[in-house]
Amino acid sequence: MPTYKVGTEPLKTRKSMREVLCELCGKCMGKAYFSQAYSGLTADQAIELWPYLKMDIRVHESQCALHVQKQSG
């Protein structure tokens, strides 16, 4: 399954909006207010932190092109 990270772009303010990205394909799931960078988050961990991204993450889990390619060989 893909893992997710919070973008590492420089903060403009102390608590800026950062992109929540799939680490496998780089697709943005949405934006979150977060002051630190994270990587290697499972889908469940990302949803726990940002419940409003649940639908986007669950749909992406089944459709991530790179993940589907790896599974099919």
C-alpha atoms as a PDB file:
ATOM      1  CA  MET A   1       0.000   0.000   0.000  1.00  0.00           C
ATOM      2  CA  PRO A   2       1.200   3.543  -0.638  1.00  0.00           C
ATOM      3  CA  THR A   3       2.523   5.624   2.225  1.00  0.00           C
ATOM      4  CA  TYR A   4       1.988   9.343   2.652  1.00  0.00           C
ATOM      5  CA  LYS A   5       4.053  12.345   3.634  1.00  0.00           C
ATOM      6  CA  VAL A   6       3.514  15.956   4.487  1.00  0.00           C
ATOM      7  CA  GLY A   7       5.308  18.159   1.993  1.00  0.00           C
ATOM      8  CA  THR A   8       8.670  19.602   2.934  1.00  0.00           C
ATOM      9  CA  GLU A   9       8.253  22.992   1.261  1.00  0.00           C
ATOM     10  CA  PRO A  10       9.541  25.867   3.399  1.00  0.00           C
ATOM     11  CA  LEU A  11       7.001  27.302   5.817  1.00  0.00           C
ATOM     12  CA  LYS A  12       5.797  30.828   5.120  1.00  0.00           C
ATOM     13  CA  THR A  13       4.321  31.125   8.585  1.00  0.00           C
ATOM     14  CA  ARG A  14       4.705  29.066  11.744  1.00  0.00           C
ATOM     15  CA  LYS A  15       1.711  26.871  10.907  1.00  0.00           C
ATOM     16  CA  SER A  16       1.252  26.846   7.155  1.00  0.00           C
ATOM     17  CA  MET A  17      -0.802  24.685   4.840  1.00  0.00           C
ATOM     18  CA  ARG A  18       1.282  21.787   3.568  1.00  0.00           C
ATOM     19  CA  GLU A  19       0.462  19.229   0.908  1.00  0.00           C
ATOM     20  CA  VAL A  20      -0.262  15.646   1.953  1.00  0.00           C
ATOM     21  CA  LEU A  21       1.350  13.547  -0.782  1.00  0.00           C
ATOM     22  CA  CYS A  22       1.415   9.905  -1.829  1.00  0.00           C
ATOM     23  CA  GLU A  23       5.055   8.822  -1.513  1.00  0.00           C
ATOM     24  CA  LEU A  24       4.661   6.334  -4.343  1.00  0.00           C
ATOM     25  CA  CYS A  25       3.305   8.531  -7.145  1.00  0.00           C
ATOM     26  CA  GLY A  26       3.492  12.064  -5.685  1.00  0.00           C
ATOM     27  CA  LYS A  27      -0.221  12.842  -6.021  1.00  0.00           C
ATOM     28  CA  CYS A  28      -1.528  15.451  -3.591  1.00  0.00           C
ATOM     29  CA  MET A  29      -4.361  14.210  -1.370  1.00  0.00           C
ATOM     30  CA  GLY A  30      -5.103  17.690  -0.069  1.00  0.00           C
ATOM     31  CA  LYS A  31      -3.625  20.279   2.251  1.00  0.00           C
ATOM     32  CA  ALA A  32      -3.255  20.283   5.996  1.00  0.00           C
ATOM     33  CA  TYR A  33      -2.219  22.784   8.627  1.00  0.00           C
ATOM     34  CA  PHE A  34       0.904  21.255  10.069  1.00  0.00           C
ATOM     35  CA  SER A  35       4.115  22.725  11.407  1.00  0.00           C
ATOM     36  CA  GLN A  36       6.413  19.754  10.821  1.00  0.00           C
ATOM     37  CA  ALA A  37       7.207  17.360   7.996  1.00  0.00           C
ATOM     38  CA  TYR A  38       6.224  13.699   8.207  1.00  0.00           C
ATOM     39  CA  SER A  39       6.924  10.745   5.942  1.00  0.00           C
ATOM     40  CA  GLY A  40       6.089   7.052   5.876  1.00  0.00           C
ATOM     41  CA  LEU A  41       2.545   7.480   7.183  1.00  0.00           C
ATOM     42  CA  THR A  42       0.139   4.638   6.453  1.00  0.00           C
ATOM     43  CA  ALA A  43      -3.296   5.512   5.120  1.00  0.00           C
ATOM     44  CA  ASP A  44      -4.813   4.924   8.568  1.00  0.00           C
ATOM     45  CA  GLN A  45      -2.254   7.188  10.254  1.00  0.00           C
ATOM     46  CA  ALA A  46      -2.854   9.953   7.699  1.00  0.00           C
ATOM     47  CA  ILE A  47      -6.628   9.647   8.136  1.00  0.00           C
ATOM     48  CA  GLU A  48      -6.256   9.781  11.909  1.00  0.00           C
ATOM     49  CA  LEU A  49      -4.338  13.063  11.592  1.00  0.00           C
ATOM     50  CA  TRP A  50      -6.566  14.544   8.872  1.00  0.00           C
ATOM     51  CA  PRO A  51     -10.012  12.888   8.921  1.00  0.00           C
ATOM     52  CA  TYR A  52     -11.333  15.240   6.230  1.00  0.00           C
ATOM     53  CA  LEU A  53      -8.967  13.554   3.722  1.00  0.00           C
ATOM     54  CA  LYS A  54     -10.423  10.080   4.365  1.00  0.00           C
ATOM     55  CA  MET A  55     -12.359   9.749   1.110  1.00  0.00           C
ATOM     56  CA  ASP A  56      -9.476  11.073  -1.020  1.00  0.00           C
ATOM     57  CA  ILE A  57      -6.989   8.697   0.598  1.00  0.00           C
ATOM     58  CA  ARG A  58      -9.265   5.624   0.430  1.00  0.00           C
ATOM     59  CA  VAL A  59     -10.026   6.221  -3.261  1.00  0.00           C
ATOM     60  CA  HIS A  60      -6.349   6.790  -3.980  1.00  0.00           C
ATOM     61  CA  GLU A  61      -5.425   3.549  -2.188  1.00  0.00           C
ATOM     62  CA  SER A  62      -7.396   1.595  -4.789  1.00  0.00           C
ATOM     63  CA  GLN A  63      -6.366   3.670  -7.793  1.00  0.00           C
ATOM     64  CA  CYS A  64      -2.709   4.635  -7.299  1.00  0.00           C
ATOM     65  CA  ALA A  65      -1.266   3.757 -10.703  1.00  0.00           C
ATOM     66  CA  LEU A  66       2.198   2.881  -9.423  1.00  0.00           C
ATOM     67  CA  HIS A  67       0.807   0.702  -6.629  1.00  0.00           C
ATOM     68  CA  VAL A  68      -1.458  -1.167  -9.051  1.00  0.00           C
ATOM     69  CA  GLN A  69       1.500  -1.714 -11.439  1.00  0.00           C
ATOM     70  CA  LYS A  70       3.666  -3.171  -8.646  1.00  0.00           C
ATOM     71  CA  GLN A  71       0.945  -5.623  -7.634  1.00  0.00           C
ATOM     72  CA  SER A  72       0.295  -6.834 -11.158  1.00  0.00           C
ATOM     73  CA  GLY A  73       3.931  -7.635 -11.744  1.00  0.00           C
END
